[in-house]
Protein backbone atom coordinates (compact mmCIF):
# COMPACT_ATOMS: atom_id res chain seq x y z
CA UNK A 1 179.95 87.74 51.65
CA UNK A 2 177.78 86.51 48.58
CA UNK A 3 179.78 85.75 45.45
CA UNK A 4 177.45 88.06 43.50
CA UNK A 5 176.27 91.32 44.75
CA UNK A 6 173.43 92.54 42.50
CA UNK A 7 172.61 95.26 44.70
CA UNK A 8 175.61 97.56 43.53
CA UNK A 9 174.98 97.01 39.86
CA UNK A 10 174.98 100.45 38.25
CA UNK A 11 174.80 99.43 34.76
CA UNK A 12 171.07 98.99 34.82
CA UNK A 13 168.43 101.36 33.13
CA UNK A 14 166.99 103.54 35.48
CA UNK A 15 163.29 102.96 33.99
CA UNK A 16 161.09 99.90 33.30
CA UNK A 17 161.08 98.32 29.67
CA UNK A 18 157.87 99.16 27.90
CA UNK A 19 157.08 95.35 27.58
CA UNK A 20 156.10 95.74 31.48
CA UNK A 21 153.44 97.90 30.41
CA UNK A 22 152.09 95.70 27.60
CA UNK A 23 151.95 92.99 30.04
CA UNK A 24 150.29 95.13 32.85
CA UNK A 25 147.59 96.12 30.36
CA UNK A 26 147.02 92.64 29.13
CA UNK A 27 146.65 91.05 32.57
CA UNK A 28 144.43 94.27 33.83
CA UNK A 29 141.99 93.16 30.91
CA UNK A 30 142.21 89.28 32.00
CA UNK A 31 141.37 90.14 35.60
CA UNK A 32 138.54 92.23 34.66
CA UNK A 33 137.44 89.32 32.88
CA UNK A 34 138.07 87.01 35.70
CA UNK A 35 136.68 88.83 38.49
CA UNK A 36 133.57 90.37 36.82
CA UNK A 37 132.43 87.03 35.91
CA UNK A 38 133.33 85.69 39.31
CA UNK A 39 131.33 88.40 40.89
CA UNK A 40 128.06 87.14 39.17
CA UNK A 41 128.59 83.57 39.05
CA UNK A 42 126.79 82.30 42.31
CA UNK A 43 124.05 84.81 41.74
CA UNK A 44 123.43 83.57 38.32
CA UNK A 45 123.51 79.91 39.34
CA UNK A 46 120.82 80.69 42.15
CA UNK A 47 118.54 82.82 40.44
CA UNK A 48 118.56 81.88 36.81
CA UNK A 49 119.26 78.06 37.16
CA UNK A 50 117.73 77.37 40.52
CA UNK A 51 120.63 75.89 42.27
CA UNK A 52 120.61 76.11 46.03
CA UNK A 53 123.00 78.34 47.82
CA UNK A 54 125.01 75.54 48.99
CA UNK A 55 125.29 74.02 45.52
CA UNK A 56 126.30 77.01 44.01
CA UNK A 57 128.92 77.67 46.61
CA UNK A 58 130.19 74.07 45.83
CA UNK A 59 130.37 74.85 42.08
CA UNK A 60 132.12 77.96 42.96
CA UNK A 61 134.78 76.72 45.21
CA UNK A 62 135.52 73.98 42.74
CA UNK A 63 135.91 76.41 39.57
CA UNK A 64 138.40 78.68 41.86
CA UNK A 65 140.43 75.71 43.17
CA UNK A 66 140.84 74.23 39.61
CA UNK A 67 141.57 77.66 38.50
CA UNK A 68 144.67 77.35 40.47
CA UNK A 69 145.49 73.90 39.59
CA UNK A 70 145.66 74.26 36.00
CA UNK A 71 148.62 76.45 35.87
CA UNK A 72 150.62 73.38 36.40
CA UNK A 73 149.42 72.23 32.93
CA UNK A 74 150.00 75.67 31.42
CA UNK A 75 153.67 76.11 32.89
CA UNK A 76 154.58 72.29 31.50
CA UNK A 77 153.25 73.27 27.91
CA UNK A 78 155.02 76.46 27.76
CA UNK A 79 158.40 75.28 29.18
CA UNK A 80 158.53 71.97 27.01
CA UNK A 81 156.56 72.88 23.67
CA UNK A 82 154.55 76.18 23.17
CA UNK A 83 156.30 78.98 24.94
CA UNK A 84 154.89 81.85 26.92
CA UNK A 85 153.57 83.76 24.12
CA UNK A 86 151.52 81.13 22.28
CA UNK A 87 150.25 80.04 25.82
CA UNK A 88 149.09 83.72 26.67
CA UNK A 89 147.34 84.00 23.54
CA UNK A 90 145.42 80.62 23.34
CA UNK A 91 144.55 81.11 27.02
CA UNK A 92 143.12 84.49 26.53
CA UNK A 93 141.21 83.51 23.42
CA UNK A 94 139.97 80.64 25.31
CA UNK A 95 138.74 82.37 28.18
CA UNK A 96 137.01 84.89 26.03
CA UNK A 97 135.18 81.82 24.34
CA UNK A 98 134.38 80.57 27.82
CA UNK A 99 132.76 83.89 28.64
CA UNK A 100 130.67 83.95 25.49
CA UNK A 101 129.36 80.44 26.86
CA UNK A 102 128.24 82.06 29.94
CA UNK A 103 126.57 84.55 27.72
CA UNK A 104 124.61 81.92 25.90
CA UNK A 105 123.64 80.27 29.02
CA UNK A 106 122.19 83.42 30.39
CA UNK A 107 120.64 83.90 27.32
CA UNK A 108 118.81 80.55 27.16
CA UNK A 109 117.74 80.01 30.81
CA UNK A 110 114.17 80.93 30.35
CA UNK A 111 113.78 79.13 26.89
CA UNK A 112 115.87 76.18 26.93
CA UNK A 113 116.87 75.35 30.62
CA UNK A 114 118.69 72.17 30.00
CA UNK A 115 120.92 73.75 27.30
CA UNK A 116 121.67 76.78 29.50
CA UNK A 117 122.86 74.30 32.29
CA UNK A 118 124.92 72.39 29.80
CA UNK A 119 126.41 75.68 28.52
CA UNK A 120 127.44 76.82 31.91
CA UNK A 121 129.47 73.70 32.66
CA UNK A 122 130.96 73.84 29.54
CA UNK A 123 131.78 77.85 30.04
CA UNK A 124 133.28 76.85 33.45
CA UNK A 125 135.52 74.07 31.95
CA UNK A 126 136.68 76.18 29.01
CA UNK A 127 137.51 79.41 31.48
CA UNK A 128 139.40 76.89 33.98
CA UNK A 129 141.80 75.63 30.80
CA UNK A 130 142.19 79.30 29.58
CA UNK A 131 143.11 80.40 33.06
CA UNK A 132 145.57 77.78 33.27
CA UNK A 133 147.35 78.61 30.01
CA UNK A 134 147.38 82.22 30.66
CA UNK A 135 147.95 82.79 34.07
CA UNK A 136 151.47 81.31 35.01
CA UNK A 137 152.97 82.51 31.70
CA UNK A 138 152.37 86.09 31.71
CA UNK A 139 153.82 86.43 35.36
CA UNK A 140 156.72 84.59 33.97
CA UNK A 141 157.27 86.67 31.33
CA UNK A 142 157.39 89.85 33.55
CA UNK A 143 160.44 88.15 34.91
CA UNK A 144 161.99 87.53 31.52
CA UNK A 145 161.96 91.16 30.77
CA UNK A 146 165.06 91.56 33.00
CA UNK A 147 168.32 89.97 33.23
CA UNK A 148 169.12 87.72 36.03
CA UNK A 149 170.13 89.98 38.98
CA UNK A 150 168.07 93.06 37.91
CA UNK A 151 167.25 95.09 40.94
CA UNK A 152 164.34 96.73 39.35
CA UNK A 153 162.37 93.22 39.24
CA UNK A 154 160.40 93.87 42.66
CA UNK A 155 159.46 97.19 41.38
CA UNK A 156 158.45 95.85 38.13
CA UNK A 157 156.26 93.10 39.94
CA UNK A 158 154.68 95.69 42.15
CA UNK A 159 153.81 97.72 39.06
CA UNK A 160 152.30 94.48 37.35
CA UNK A 161 150.49 93.73 40.54
CA UNK A 162 148.57 96.95 40.42
CA UNK A 163 147.37 95.88 36.82
CA UNK A 164 146.07 92.92 38.24
CA UNK A 165 144.04 94.85 40.84
CA UNK A 166 142.77 97.74 38.57
CA UNK A 167 141.42 95.08 36.60
CA UNK A 168 139.70 93.34 39.45
CA UNK A 169 138.45 96.66 40.93
CA UNK A 170 136.80 97.47 37.57
CA UNK A 171 135.37 94.19 36.70
CA UNK A 172 133.75 94.06 40.07
CA UNK A 173 132.22 97.36 39.43
CA UNK A 174 131.02 97.26 35.78
CA UNK A 175 129.97 93.54 35.49
CA UNK A 176 127.62 93.67 38.40
CA UNK A 177 126.61 97.00 37.57
CA UNK A 178 125.13 95.86 34.21
CA UNK A 179 124.81 92.43 35.09
CA UNK A 180 123.23 92.32 38.37
CA UNK A 181 120.29 94.56 38.12
CA UNK A 182 117.74 94.97 41.01
CA UNK A 183 114.72 97.00 40.66
CA UNK A 184 113.38 99.55 43.28
CA UNK A 185 110.98 96.95 44.40
CA UNK A 186 113.76 94.67 45.26
CA UNK A 187 113.20 92.49 41.91
CA UNK A 188 116.26 91.18 40.35
CA UNK A 189 116.41 91.36 36.40
CA UNK A 190 117.62 87.84 35.65
CA UNK A 191 117.80 88.53 32.08
CA UNK A 192 120.73 91.21 32.56
CA UNK A 193 123.02 88.54 33.67
CA UNK A 194 124.04 88.01 30.12
CA UNK A 195 125.26 91.60 29.74
CA UNK A 196 127.63 91.06 32.57
CA UNK A 197 129.16 88.11 31.08
CA UNK A 198 129.40 89.70 27.62
CA UNK A 199 131.60 92.54 29.22
CA UNK A 200 133.63 89.97 30.57
CA UNK A 201 134.11 88.37 27.12
CA UNK A 202 134.62 91.56 25.56
CA UNK A 203 137.67 92.43 28.20
CA UNK A 204 139.25 89.20 27.54
CA UNK A 205 139.29 89.56 23.64
CA UNK A 206 140.63 93.43 24.16
CA UNK A 207 143.27 91.96 26.34
CA UNK A 208 144.49 89.35 23.67
CA UNK A 209 144.25 91.61 20.74
CA UNK A 210 146.50 94.36 22.57
CA UNK A 211 148.97 91.69 23.47
CA UNK A 212 149.05 90.28 19.97
CA UNK A 213 149.64 93.56 18.32
CA UNK A 214 152.31 94.82 20.70
CA UNK A 215 154.15 91.48 21.75
CA UNK A 216 156.70 91.55 18.85
CA UNK A 217 157.69 95.31 19.22
CA UNK A 218 157.81 95.75 23.11
CA UNK A 219 158.18 92.29 24.58
CA UNK A 220 161.73 91.69 23.36
CA UNK A 221 165.27 91.90 24.82
CA UNK A 222 167.42 95.32 24.15
CA UNK A 223 168.73 93.30 21.31
CA UNK A 224 165.48 92.91 19.68
CA UNK A 225 165.13 89.01 20.33
CA UNK A 226 161.60 87.86 21.29
CA UNK A 227 161.11 86.86 24.69
CA UNK A 228 158.81 83.99 25.69
CA UNK A 229 159.04 82.16 22.17
CA UNK A 230 158.72 78.63 21.83
CA UNK A 231 161.47 76.84 23.86
CA UNK A 232 163.47 75.60 20.90
CA UNK A 233 163.34 79.20 19.03
CA UNK A 234 163.97 81.13 22.23
CA UNK A 235 167.81 81.95 22.03
CA UNK A 236 167.58 84.15 25.14
CA UNK A 237 168.04 80.94 26.96
CA UNK A 238 171.79 80.14 26.01
CA UNK A 239 175.02 80.37 27.74
CA UNK A 240 176.03 77.93 30.47
CA UNK A 241 172.42 77.17 31.98
CA UNK A 242 170.96 73.76 30.83
CA UNK A 243 167.81 74.25 28.54
CA UNK A 244 166.17 70.81 28.94
CA UNK A 245 165.16 68.98 31.94
CA UNK A 246 166.31 65.41 32.60
CA UNK A 247 164.07 63.59 34.45
CA UNK A 248 164.56 59.93 34.76
CA UNK A 249 161.98 57.53 34.10
CA UNK A 250 162.40 56.20 37.89
CA UNK A 251 161.68 59.81 39.04
CA UNK A 252 158.38 60.04 36.80
CA UNK A 253 156.99 56.68 37.86
CA UNK A 254 157.61 57.37 41.19
CA UNK A 255 155.90 60.77 41.17
CA UNK A 256 152.82 58.98 39.72
CA UNK A 257 152.76 56.44 42.20
CA UNK A 258 153.52 59.32 44.93
CA UNK A 259 150.60 61.40 43.53
CA UNK A 260 148.06 58.68 43.56
CA UNK A 261 148.96 57.45 47.36
CA UNK A 262 149.04 61.48 48.61
CA UNK A 263 145.46 61.90 46.53
CA UNK A 264 144.22 58.78 48.56
CA UNK A 265 145.39 60.04 51.71
CA UNK A 266 144.10 63.33 51.80
CA UNK A 267 140.59 62.07 50.51
CA UNK A 268 140.38 59.13 52.88
CA UNK A 269 142.17 59.96 55.89
CA UNK A 270 142.46 63.58 56.02
CA UNK A 271 138.78 63.60 54.28
CA UNK A 272 139.05 66.62 51.93
CA UNK A 273 136.98 66.81 48.90
CA UNK A 274 138.30 65.60 45.45
CA UNK A 275 139.39 68.87 44.17
CA UNK A 276 141.51 69.71 47.23
CA UNK A 277 142.69 66.48 47.59
CA UNK A 278 143.93 66.78 43.94
CA UNK A 279 145.60 70.15 44.69
CA UNK A 280 147.50 69.17 47.60
CA UNK A 281 148.75 66.10 46.07
CA UNK A 282 149.71 67.78 42.82
CA UNK A 283 151.60 70.31 44.48
CA UNK A 284 153.54 67.93 46.75
CA UNK A 285 154.29 65.47 43.68
CA UNK A 286 155.19 68.21 41.18
CA UNK A 287 157.56 70.03 43.66
CA UNK A 288 159.34 66.70 44.18
CA UNK A 289 159.57 65.77 40.59
CA UNK A 290 160.99 69.21 39.82
CA UNK A 291 163.80 68.83 42.72
CA UNK A 292 164.73 65.52 41.43
CA UNK A 293 165.72 66.77 37.96
CA UNK A 294 169.34 65.27 37.15
CA UNK A 295 170.51 68.57 35.31
CA UNK A 296 170.12 70.65 38.22
CA UNK A 297 173.09 72.27 39.78
CA UNK A 298 173.60 72.76 43.65
CA UNK A 299 172.86 76.59 43.24
CA UNK A 300 169.76 75.67 41.06
CA UNK A 301 168.55 73.23 43.54
CA UNK A 302 169.17 75.51 46.57
CA UNK A 303 167.19 78.47 44.93
CA UNK A 304 164.25 76.05 44.21
CA UNK A 305 164.24 74.88 48.02
CA UNK A 306 164.04 78.60 48.92
CA UNK A 307 160.91 78.95 46.87
CA UNK A 308 159.54 75.63 48.42
CA UNK A 309 160.19 77.21 51.84
CA UNK A 310 158.54 80.52 51.04
CA UNK A 311 155.56 78.85 49.33
CA UNK A 312 154.79 77.19 52.80
CA UNK A 313 154.66 80.38 54.48
CA UNK A 314 152.69 82.12 51.90
CA UNK A 315 149.91 79.61 52.50
CA UNK A 316 149.54 81.12 55.82
CA UNK A 317 149.04 84.62 54.47
CA UNK A 318 146.37 83.60 51.89
CA UNK A 319 144.61 81.58 54.40
CA UNK A 320 144.21 84.68 56.86
CA UNK A 321 144.03 87.31 53.93
CA UNK A 322 141.18 85.42 52.02
CA UNK A 323 138.93 85.79 54.96
CA UNK A 324 137.91 88.66 53.18
CA UNK A 325 135.38 86.69 50.85
CA UNK A 326 133.85 84.47 53.54
CA UNK A 327 133.99 85.23 57.35
CA UNK A 328 134.93 88.99 57.02
CA UNK A 329 131.90 89.59 54.65
CA UNK A 330 129.72 87.88 57.06
CA UNK A 331 130.87 90.13 60.00
CA UNK A 332 130.20 92.97 57.69
CA UNK A 333 126.86 92.02 56.98
CA UNK A 334 125.85 91.02 60.45
CA UNK A 335 127.88 93.00 62.69
CA UNK A 336 128.86 96.16 61.05
CA UNK A 337 127.15 99.64 60.80
CA UNK A 338 128.00 100.08 56.93
CA UNK A 339 126.90 103.73 56.73
CA UNK A 340 129.50 106.22 55.23
CA UNK A 341 128.48 109.69 54.50
CA UNK A 342 124.66 108.75 54.49
CA UNK A 343 125.18 105.64 52.20
CA UNK A 344 124.60 102.12 53.15
CA UNK A 345 127.42 100.19 51.75
CA UNK A 346 126.81 96.53 50.61
CA UNK A 347 128.71 93.98 52.26
CA UNK A 348 130.29 92.42 49.44
CA UNK A 349 131.69 96.01 48.20
CA UNK A 350 133.55 96.54 51.38
CA UNK A 351 136.24 94.11 50.40
CA UNK A 352 136.60 96.14 47.30
CA UNK A 353 138.85 98.54 49.44
CA UNK A 354 141.97 96.27 49.04
CA UNK A 355 141.86 96.71 45.13
CA UNK A 356 141.55 100.60 45.83
CA UNK A 357 144.26 100.55 48.17
CA UNK A 358 146.37 98.50 45.88
CA UNK A 359 145.96 101.03 43.11
CA UNK A 360 146.90 103.93 45.46
CA UNK A 361 150.06 102.32 46.96
CA UNK A 362 151.50 99.98 44.28
CA UNK A 363 153.58 102.74 42.77
CA UNK A 364 154.90 104.26 45.99
CA UNK A 365 155.94 100.88 46.96
CA UNK A 366 157.68 100.32 43.54
CA UNK A 367 159.36 103.69 44.47
CA UNK A 368 160.52 102.50 47.95
CA UNK A 369 161.92 99.36 46.68
CA UNK A 370 163.98 101.32 44.13
CA UNK A 371 165.01 103.81 46.65
CA UNK A 372 166.12 101.47 49.24
CA UNK A 373 168.19 99.71 46.57
CA UNK A 374 170.07 102.63 45.63
CA UNK A 375 170.92 103.43 49.10
CA UNK A 376 171.95 99.77 49.90
CA UNK A 377 169.14 99.37 52.36
CA UNK A 378 166.60 97.10 50.47
CA UNK A 379 165.64 94.19 52.62
CA UNK A 380 165.94 90.71 50.85
CA UNK A 381 162.68 89.07 49.45
CA UNK A 382 162.05 86.87 52.40
CA UNK A 383 162.49 89.71 54.86
CA UNK A 384 159.94 91.67 52.79
CA UNK A 385 157.87 88.78 52.99
CA UNK A 386 157.92 88.35 56.81
CA UNK A 387 157.10 91.97 56.93
CA UNK A 388 153.79 91.18 54.88
CA UNK A 389 152.94 88.57 57.21
CA UNK A 390 153.31 91.08 60.31
CA UNK A 391 151.28 93.82 58.71
CA UNK A 392 148.44 91.20 57.87
CA UNK A 393 148.53 90.27 61.75
CA UNK A 394 148.54 93.92 62.60
CA UNK A 395 145.09 94.45 60.55
CA UNK A 396 143.66 91.55 62.54
CA UNK A 397 144.77 92.57 65.80
CA UNK A 398 143.26 96.07 65.09
CA UNK A 399 140.01 94.37 64.81
CA UNK A 400 140.63 92.09 67.65
CA UNK A 401 140.63 95.12 69.90
CA UNK A 402 137.66 96.65 68.10
CA UNK A 403 135.34 93.65 68.73
CA UNK A 404 136.63 92.83 72.29
CA UNK A 405 133.51 93.18 74.43
CA UNK A 406 131.21 94.16 71.69
CA UNK A 407 127.65 93.47 72.87
CA UNK A 408 125.00 91.66 70.80
CA UNK A 409 123.00 94.61 69.90
CA UNK A 410 126.24 96.73 68.91
CA UNK A 411 127.79 97.06 65.69
CA UNK A 412 131.38 97.67 64.50
CA UNK A 413 132.08 100.93 62.92
CA UNK A 414 132.67 100.20 59.02
CA UNK A 415 135.54 102.41 59.19
CA UNK A 416 137.63 99.52 61.20
CA UNK A 417 137.24 97.20 58.40
CA UNK A 418 138.52 99.64 55.96
CA UNK A 419 141.56 100.27 58.09
CA UNK A 420 141.97 96.52 58.53
CA UNK A 421 142.05 96.13 54.78
CA UNK A 422 144.59 99.17 54.28
CA UNK A 423 147.25 96.91 56.57
CA UNK A 424 146.29 94.04 54.74
CA UNK A 425 146.92 95.51 51.32
CA UNK A 426 150.19 96.95 52.69
CA UNK A 427 151.16 93.40 53.77
CA UNK A 428 150.07 91.97 50.40
CA UNK A 429 152.34 94.53 48.38
CA UNK A 430 155.21 93.17 50.72
CA UNK A 431 154.59 89.58 49.65
CA UNK A 432 152.52 88.89 46.83
CA UNK A 433 154.36 90.82 43.95
CA UNK A 434 157.64 90.00 45.79
CA UNK A 435 156.84 86.53 45.74
CA UNK A 436 156.31 86.46 41.93
CA UNK A 437 159.32 88.40 41.41
CA UNK A 438 161.34 86.00 43.51
CA UNK A 439 160.12 82.93 41.29
CA UNK A 440 161.39 84.83 38.35
CA UNK A 441 164.77 85.50 39.99
CA UNK A 442 165.38 82.12 41.36
CA UNK A 443 163.66 79.58 38.74
CA UNK A 444 165.91 78.31 36.21
CA UNK A 445 164.55 79.09 32.76
CA UNK A 446 163.50 75.50 31.96
CA UNK A 447 161.33 75.63 34.88
CA UNK A 448 160.07 79.24 34.82
CA UNK A 449 156.54 78.80 34.06
CA UNK A 450 156.12 75.31 35.86
CA UNK A 451 157.52 76.86 39.02
CA UNK A 452 155.22 79.56 38.68
CA UNK A 453 152.42 76.88 38.58
CA UNK A 454 153.84 75.58 41.72
CA UNK A 455 153.65 78.83 43.43
CA UNK A 456 149.92 79.48 42.43
CA UNK A 457 149.47 76.13 43.92
CA UNK A 458 150.60 77.36 47.25
CA UNK A 459 148.21 80.29 46.82
CA UNK A 460 145.62 77.70 45.95
CA UNK A 461 146.36 75.55 49.50
CA UNK A 462 146.03 78.83 51.24
CA UNK A 463 142.35 79.38 49.93
CA UNK A 464 141.55 75.76 50.90
CA UNK A 465 142.73 76.50 54.29
CA UNK A 466 141.02 79.78 54.44
CA UNK A 467 137.60 77.88 53.85
CA UNK A 468 138.82 75.60 57.23
CA UNK A 469 139.52 78.72 59.21
CA UNK A 470 136.48 80.52 58.16
CA UNK A 471 134.33 77.94 59.29
CA UNK A 472 135.17 78.65 62.91
CA UNK A 473 133.68 81.98 62.87
CA UNK A 474 131.69 82.30 66.32
CA UNK A 475 127.94 83.43 66.01
CA UNK A 476 127.46 86.85 65.27
CA UNK A 477 125.13 89.48 67.01
CA UNK A 478 122.16 88.53 64.47
CA UNK A 479 122.36 84.74 65.81
CA UNK A 480 121.75 85.63 69.48
CA UNK A 481 119.01 88.21 68.40
CA UNK A 482 117.10 85.42 66.27
CA UNK A 483 117.28 83.07 69.27
CA UNK A 484 116.04 85.63 71.77
CA UNK A 485 113.06 86.41 69.58
CA UNK A 486 112.29 82.55 69.54
CA UNK A 487 112.33 82.67 73.41
CA UNK A 488 115.74 80.79 73.55
CA UNK A 489 118.93 81.93 75.21
CA UNK A 490 121.41 81.11 72.86
CA UNK A 491 124.43 82.29 75.05
CA UNK A 492 123.06 79.80 77.68
CA UNK A 493 123.02 76.96 75.24
CA UNK A 494 126.40 77.59 73.83
CA UNK A 495 128.05 77.92 77.32
CA UNK A 496 125.89 74.75 78.32
CA UNK A 497 124.44 76.46 81.69
CA UNK A 498 121.11 75.08 80.31
CA UNK A 499 120.11 71.83 78.35
CA UNK A 500 117.85 72.97 75.54
CA UNK A 501 114.57 70.84 75.11
CA UNK A 502 114.03 69.05 72.11
CA UNK A 503 111.51 71.60 70.89
CA UNK A 504 114.09 74.23 71.49
CA UNK A 505 116.68 72.16 69.75
CA UNK A 506 114.18 71.73 66.65
CA UNK A 507 113.63 75.49 66.79
CA UNK A 508 117.47 76.33 66.57
CA UNK A 509 117.99 73.69 63.71
CA UNK A 510 114.96 75.69 61.77
CA UNK A 511 116.56 78.81 62.34
CA UNK A 512 119.97 77.49 61.34
CA UNK A 513 121.44 78.53 64.53
CA UNK A 514 124.52 76.77 66.24
CA UNK A 515 124.09 74.56 69.56
CA UNK A 516 127.79 74.59 70.53
CA UNK A 517 130.75 76.73 69.57
CA UNK A 518 133.10 76.11 66.68
CA UNK A 519 136.32 74.47 67.69
CA UNK A 520 139.89 74.93 66.40
CA UNK A 521 142.96 72.59 67.38
CA UNK A 522 140.65 71.42 70.25
CA UNK A 523 140.09 75.04 71.74
CA UNK A 524 136.25 76.43 71.34
CA UNK A 525 136.17 79.62 69.59
CA UNK A 526 133.73 81.70 71.71
CA UNK A 527 133.61 85.23 70.69
CA UNK A 528 134.80 87.59 67.72
CA UNK A 529 137.97 88.51 70.02
CA UNK A 530 138.94 85.00 70.09
CA UNK A 531 138.50 84.52 66.43
CA UNK A 532 140.61 87.67 65.33
CA UNK A 533 143.33 86.52 67.69
CA UNK A 534 143.59 83.38 65.89
CA UNK A 535 144.31 85.47 62.67
CA UNK A 536 146.92 87.39 64.57
CA UNK A 537 148.85 84.46 65.94
CA UNK A 538 148.97 82.26 62.77
CA UNK A 539 150.52 85.10 60.51
CA UNK A 540 152.49 86.73 63.59
CA UNK A 541 154.17 83.45 64.30
CA UNK A 542 154.73 82.72 60.62
CA UNK A 543 156.37 86.35 60.20
CA UNK A 544 158.67 85.66 63.14
CA UNK A 545 159.79 82.15 61.95
CA UNK A 546 160.42 83.68 58.38
CA UNK A 547 162.34 86.40 59.78
CA UNK A 548 164.49 83.89 61.58
CA UNK A 549 165.16 81.71 58.64
CA UNK A 550 166.12 84.93 56.62
CA UNK A 551 169.78 84.70 56.87
CA UNK A 552 169.94 81.04 55.98
CA UNK A 553 167.69 81.66 52.92
CA UNK A 554 170.01 84.39 51.88
CA UNK A 555 172.86 82.15 51.62
CA UNK A 556 170.62 79.41 49.65
CA UNK A 557 169.81 82.25 47.14
CA UNK A 558 173.32 82.52 46.17
CA UNK A 559 173.36 86.28 45.43
CA UNK A 560 169.89 86.85 44.43
CA UNK A 561 167.97 89.40 46.70
């Protein structure tokens, strides 16, 4: 039996602290800013700055990857120097300024093209830096509102997570609505992009002002002590826990060497691009440096190892879940009948069902965890996360059987994509907010923000893997039709039952059609059924293994659930 049984603590208040809703609102406006701008970025680069689609995609991928890398810097600065509060304010204002540079770029593209290009690069750099300061610290502060062992924390992060998705949902509707204006004849009003970026900037400044005004009143301990103040001033980190990390010079020098070696290996041997080589090597190096800290007790070290193990499984969740922005959008575009109630839904809008479902189910899930806890039936966090992986697999399994035997000229009903996103959302609510909660529960105070940054790096690694997996999408029906119209039997070419002529190969290349099936782990992916089964197997196996490990992980958590 665990030495600490937090599930039976009856001294905790029934409700949530008001500070949670201040952080909820601040995060909501920040996500409005981030996702609203993200929805417009590639369209702006292509239509205003004349980038090719491939170039815009590279910039977009680099931007997103770096946004999940810089939380390491934000976590380090917070834990050692600035504190959560200062990092959130500095980060929020910085992101708002970055959006104003996007506004400048979108206002000058037709009068000073070179200035517009410079402004967009400056804007992206500023937003990346601001996001790194903001993101790990606001998540860390949610955990600091509660004492160690408080069973309300999973419910709190579920509520907080709804704020993320409310902001994302609103941002991805409002910013494109005023910023991506297309006339009835199909002409895009490029000058309108600036208003979308200005709306994103306004949202970020609103969130920062709300946080500044309310932080001293509500983001405090029951005794009135400021939460998230500078490390030297935050008296809530007292008692028996060590306040300052103790890294040896040898550990620091070894980490620098390992980082360089790993980065070179990922770049030259694994042949990843510079950004993802940097992400993977940073995650591994930082994880090793933290665990080498001489001040860690055995209990602290065990708990950190639990975080690392769970972060590994989280990679597989996001690698599959994030198909929403790539392969699933292509399937929605090319092989789906998107009509609902007489309306033809844009393919990019279907994935927004996820944010809608989050808003619907976040509070019920919060209530569920509290109810199960009161009845001593609440599963531990690793079990919740294994359930999340399983629900993700079930969503893909539903799709696999819907596309099985689907003809070239047949289209999938959009309702099945929405049902799949429902299961993915339920899985996300079991895994993502629970993961954020667990980092707050398990992380030593001196590493709370830095370990949150490591957790976000696991997400970034998942996004990188998502791109690799999305690339094995087999040809959709439109590809076969295009080849047929050119007088080529694409199925026969792919099955290698015929050898295409040089003229046919040139035509296939001109139409950007494949000449062979994509391959994963040595196996060709020949149909959408096989493609979806890949995403059933990966999270399904991960769910099974994590569930088997949950007993061992429970012991290593030393009473934390």
